[in-house]
Protein backbone atom coordinates (compact mmCIF):
# COMPACT_ATOMS: atom_id res chain seq x y z
CA MET A 1 -0.29 0.13 -0.19
CA ALA A 2 1.37 3.56 -0.57
CA GLU A 3 1.17 6.32 1.41
CA ILE A 4 -0.92 9.64 1.08
CA GLY A 5 -0.07 13.22 1.25
CA TYR A 6 -1.76 15.26 4.40
CA ASP A 7 -2.93 17.78 1.75
CA ARG A 8 -5.11 15.71 -0.07
CA LEU A 9 -6.20 14.42 3.55
CA LYS A 10 -7.11 17.68 4.46
CA GLU A 11 -8.44 18.55 0.97
CA ASN A 12 -11.33 15.71 1.23
CA PHE A 13 -11.73 15.50 4.91
CA PRO A 14 -11.04 19.54 6.11
CA PHE A 15 -11.47 18.72 9.48
CA LEU A 16 -8.33 17.46 9.90
CA ASP A 17 -7.02 20.50 9.28
CA GLY A 18 -6.90 21.22 13.26
CA LEU A 19 -3.55 19.31 13.97
CA ASP A 20 -0.66 20.38 14.69
CA GLY A 21 2.50 19.63 12.36
CA GLN A 22 3.65 16.52 14.19
CA ASP A 23 0.26 15.12 14.25
CA GLN A 24 -0.16 15.84 10.79
CA LEU A 25 2.83 13.71 10.19
CA ARG A 26 1.89 11.03 11.92
CA LEU A 27 -1.11 10.74 10.39
CA GLU A 28 0.51 10.85 7.20
CA GLN A 29 2.36 8.04 8.18
CA MET A 30 -0.18 5.83 9.19
CA MET A 31 -2.72 5.87 6.74
CA GLN A 32 -2.37 3.94 4.01
CA LEU A 33 -3.79 4.46 0.70
CA GLN A 34 -5.49 1.02 -0.87
CA ASN A 35 -7.03 0.67 -4.44
CA TYR A 36 -10.30 -1.49 -4.92
CA PRO A 37 -12.34 -2.50 -7.78
CA ALA A 38 -16.04 -2.51 -7.76
CA GLY A 39 -17.21 -5.51 -6.92
CA ARG A 40 -15.27 -6.70 -3.83
CA VAL A 41 -16.36 -7.25 -0.43
CA LEU A 42 -14.58 -5.34 2.15
CA ILE A 43 -16.21 -6.75 4.98
CA GLY A 44 -18.67 -9.26 5.94
CA GLU A 45 -21.04 -9.41 8.01
CA GLY A 46 -19.72 -10.62 11.44
CA SER A 47 -16.22 -9.83 10.80
CA VAL A 48 -13.92 -7.71 12.93
CA CYS A 49 -12.95 -3.98 11.88
CA GLN A 50 -9.48 -4.11 11.56
CA ALA A 51 -9.45 -0.16 10.59
CA LEU A 52 -11.53 2.93 9.68
CA SER A 53 -11.79 3.78 5.93
CA PHE A 54 -12.01 7.30 4.63
CA VAL A 55 -13.40 7.25 1.08
CA LEU A 56 -11.34 9.01 -1.17
CA SER A 57 -12.79 8.59 -4.38
CA GLY A 58 -15.18 5.64 -5.27
CA THR A 59 -18.50 3.75 -3.55
CA ILE A 60 -18.54 1.45 -1.27
CA ARG A 61 -22.06 -0.05 -0.25
CA VAL A 62 -22.94 -1.01 3.55
CA PHE A 63 -25.68 -3.89 3.26
CA LYS A 64 -27.79 -6.40 4.89
CA LEU A 65 -28.53 -10.35 3.65
CA SER A 66 -31.67 -11.80 4.79
CA PRO A 67 -31.62 -15.40 5.42
CA GLU A 68 -33.39 -16.08 2.01
CA GLY A 69 -30.10 -14.42 0.54
CA ARG A 70 -31.64 -11.04 -0.40
CA GLU A 71 -29.99 -7.77 -0.12
CA VAL A 72 -31.25 -4.29 1.93
CA THR A 73 -28.98 -1.65 1.22
CA LEU A 74 -28.63 0.39 4.56
CA TYR A 75 -26.67 3.32 3.01
CA ARG A 76 -23.41 4.21 0.40
CA VAL A 77 -20.36 5.88 1.95
CA GLU A 78 -18.95 8.26 -0.77
CA GLN A 79 -16.00 10.80 -1.61
CA GLY A 80 -15.34 12.64 1.67
CA ASP A 81 -17.25 10.38 3.78
CA THR A 82 -16.64 7.55 5.80
CA CYS A 83 -18.36 4.30 7.09
CA LEU A 84 -20.05 5.12 10.69
CA LEU A 85 -21.25 1.42 11.38
CA SER A 86 -17.21 0.90 11.33
CA VAL A 87 -16.56 3.85 13.70
CA SER A 88 -19.51 1.92 16.04
CA CYS A 89 -17.91 -1.51 15.68
CA LEU A 90 -14.05 -0.01 16.58
CA VAL A 91 -15.36 2.01 19.45
CA SER A 92 -17.74 -0.92 20.88
CA ASP A 93 -15.31 -3.67 19.96
CA ARG A 94 -18.05 -5.23 18.33
CA ALA A 95 -18.02 -7.49 14.78
CA PHE A 96 -19.52 -5.67 11.99
CA PRO A 97 -23.37 -6.26 11.67
CA ALA A 98 -23.71 -5.65 7.84
CA ALA A 99 -21.58 -6.18 4.84
CA ALA A 100 -19.93 -3.49 2.65
CA GLU A 101 -18.60 -3.78 -1.10
CA VAL A 102 -17.06 -1.68 -3.42
CA GLU A 103 -19.76 0.04 -6.17
CA ALA A 104 -17.74 1.95 -7.96
CA ASP A 105 -13.89 1.36 -7.88
CA ALA A 106 -12.60 3.24 -4.88
CA GLU A 107 -9.96 4.94 -3.64
CA LEU A 108 -9.90 4.51 0.60
CA ALA A 109 -7.45 6.21 2.88
CA MET A 110 -6.78 3.19 5.67
CA LEU A 111 -6.78 4.65 9.12
CA PRO A 112 -5.50 1.06 11.73
CA ALA A 113 -7.95 0.47 14.82
CA ASP A 114 -5.54 1.94 17.43
CA ARG A 115 -4.62 5.13 15.81
CA PHE A 116 -8.60 5.61 14.91
CA ARG A 117 -9.16 5.61 18.72
CA LEU A 118 -6.21 7.66 19.72
CA LEU A 119 -7.19 10.56 17.16
CA LEU A 120 -11.34 9.85 18.48
CA HIS A 121 -10.30 10.94 22.17
CA SER A 122 -7.67 13.91 21.33
CA HIS A 123 -9.42 15.88 18.26
CA ALA A 124 -12.85 17.45 18.96
CA PRO A 125 -13.25 18.00 15.13
CA LEU A 126 -12.91 14.86 14.70
CA GLN A 127 -15.91 13.84 16.64
CA GLN A 128 -17.75 16.76 15.02
CA TYR A 129 -17.46 15.43 11.98
CA LEU A 130 -18.71 11.72 13.01
CA LEU A 131 -21.31 13.21 14.68
CA GLN A 132 -22.74 14.85 11.74
CA ASN A 133 -22.15 12.06 9.56
CA LEU A 134 -23.83 9.71 12.14
CA LEU A 135 -27.29 12.22 11.72
CA ALA A 136 -27.20 12.04 8.48
CA ARG A 137 -27.02 8.09 8.25
CA PHE A 138 -29.78 7.48 10.96
CA GLY A 139 -31.87 9.76 8.54
CA GLN A 140 -30.66 7.12 5.77
CA VAL A 141 -31.65 4.13 7.35
CA MET A 142 -34.70 5.33 8.85
CA GLU A 143 -36.17 5.59 4.73
CA VAL A 144 -34.81 2.41 3.84
CA LEU A 145 -36.42 1.19 7.36
CA ASP A 146 -39.57 3.08 5.80
CA THR A 147 -39.38 1.83 2.13
CA VAL A 148 -39.24 -1.53 2.78
CA ALA A 149 -41.16 -2.12 5.93
CA PHE A 150 -44.11 0.17 6.03
CA THR A 151 -44.52 0.95 2.08
CA GLY A 152 -45.71 -1.21 -1.21
CA ARG A 153 -43.14 -3.01 -3.25
CA ARG A 154 -44.73 -1.14 -6.38
CA GLN A 155 -44.74 2.12 -4.60
CA ALA A 156 -41.22 2.54 -3.24
CA LEU A 157 -40.01 1.42 -6.48
CA ALA A 158 -41.87 4.40 -7.51
CA SER A 159 -40.27 6.07 -4.77
CA ILE A 160 -37.07 4.87 -5.58
CA LEU A 161 -36.64 6.26 -9.31
CA MET A 162 -38.34 9.13 -8.75
CA ARG A 163 -36.06 9.99 -5.42
CA ARG A 164 -32.59 9.39 -8.00
CA HIS A 165 -34.57 11.79 -11.09
CA GLN A 166 -34.52 14.41 -7.98
CA GLN A 167 -30.48 13.84 -7.16
CA GLY A 168 -29.42 13.80 -10.66
CA ARG A 169 -31.25 15.69 -12.18
CA SER A 170 -31.88 13.52 -15.40
CA ARG A 171 -34.48 11.02 -16.52
CA ASN A 172 -31.99 8.52 -17.01
CA ILE A 173 -31.41 6.20 -14.25
CA THR A 174 -28.35 4.19 -14.44
CA ILE A 175 -29.40 1.36 -12.18
CA THR A 176 -29.87 -2.67 -12.79
CA HIS A 177 -32.85 -4.49 -11.52
CA GLN A 178 -30.83 -6.02 -9.44
CA ALA A 179 -29.09 -3.06 -7.60
CA LEU A 180 -33.48 -1.77 -7.32
CA ALA A 181 -33.98 -5.41 -5.67
CA ALA A 182 -31.81 -4.80 -3.28
CA GLU A 183 -32.62 -1.43 -2.85
CA LEU A 184 -36.16 -2.43 -1.71
CA GLY A 185 -35.03 -6.02 -0.42
CA THR A 186 -37.13 -7.96 -2.75
CA ALA A 187 -36.26 -10.07 -5.51
CA ARG A 188 -35.16 -9.26 -8.70
CA GLU A 189 -37.67 -10.70 -10.30
CA VAL A 190 -40.54 -8.65 -8.80
CA VAL A 191 -38.68 -5.52 -9.65
CA SER A 192 -38.59 -6.51 -13.28
CA ARG A 193 -42.19 -7.51 -13.27
CA PHE A 194 -43.33 -4.25 -11.77
CA LEU A 195 -40.86 -1.84 -14.82
CA LYS A 196 -42.08 -4.02 -17.62
CA GLN A 197 -45.89 -3.47 -17.03
CA TRP A 198 -44.74 0.28 -16.54
CA GLU A 199 -43.01 0.15 -20.02
CA ARG A 200 -45.70 -0.87 -21.30
CA GLN A 201 -48.02 1.25 -19.95
CA GLN A 202 -45.19 4.18 -21.29
CA LEU A 203 -44.13 5.27 -18.15
CA VAL A 204 -40.71 4.06 -18.49
CA SER A 205 -38.27 2.97 -20.96
CA LEU A 206 -36.06 0.08 -20.59
CA SER A 207 -32.49 -0.29 -21.54
CA ARG A 208 -29.59 -2.78 -20.99
CA GLY A 209 -28.74 -1.12 -16.85
CA ARG A 210 -30.79 2.40 -17.65
CA ILE A 211 -34.16 3.36 -16.70
CA ARG A 212 -35.63 6.36 -18.69
CA LEU A 213 -38.53 8.07 -17.17
CA LEU A 214 -41.43 9.28 -19.18
CA ASP A 215 -44.34 9.96 -17.40
CA LEU A 216 -43.01 11.67 -14.47
CA ASP A 217 -46.75 12.80 -13.28
CA ARG A 218 -47.73 9.68 -13.02
CA LEU A 219 -44.90 8.05 -11.61
CA GLU A 220 -45.18 10.98 -8.65
CA ARG A 221 -48.72 9.69 -8.40
CA LEU A 222 -47.65 6.35 -7.72
CA THR A 223 -44.90 7.17 -4.33
CA GLY A 224 -48.23 7.84 -2.69
CA MET A 225 -46.41 10.89 -1.62
């Protein structure tokens, strides 16, 4: 693994700016740069966290796997973020309660567990950063819980498509049926059946790995919002 320059760390994680020169040098020497390809499983459910990963580029997906083999996506970790479940495990010395895989090729700055604990106790800006991220992640997980537990599958699928449309400001949604199924905690066949029905109704058009939203008004009504 290669070392990473402190300036790049500060660029992605401004809370590190408050460290003095000696601590900056220590951190630069401790953190190692690691590249992972899409599809790589970083940690499995029940595994022990050895380090905290700070995402410099790419996307990490954190998910739960049911006994039947169905996935439910809890949240994603992107540039400038770190995984709050990993923080919880490192602080409490417990096993990782989910799984994490690389969704888009990722560059990670890895901070060993013992060094993270020392930094956490001595650096208030890190504590504030983690608290802010914890609140954001909690909201995302509650949204997933609401979608999976309290919303019908058809309504939930429409909600996901509309949310992605609003986030990307595009009618073209780049996502596979399997990825949508993981978001919903259901089988791919369920998602494909709904989408094919909507295609016949001219709400969407489908192509490999992409969904184009044709009728935003009708899809919005399907969300029940």
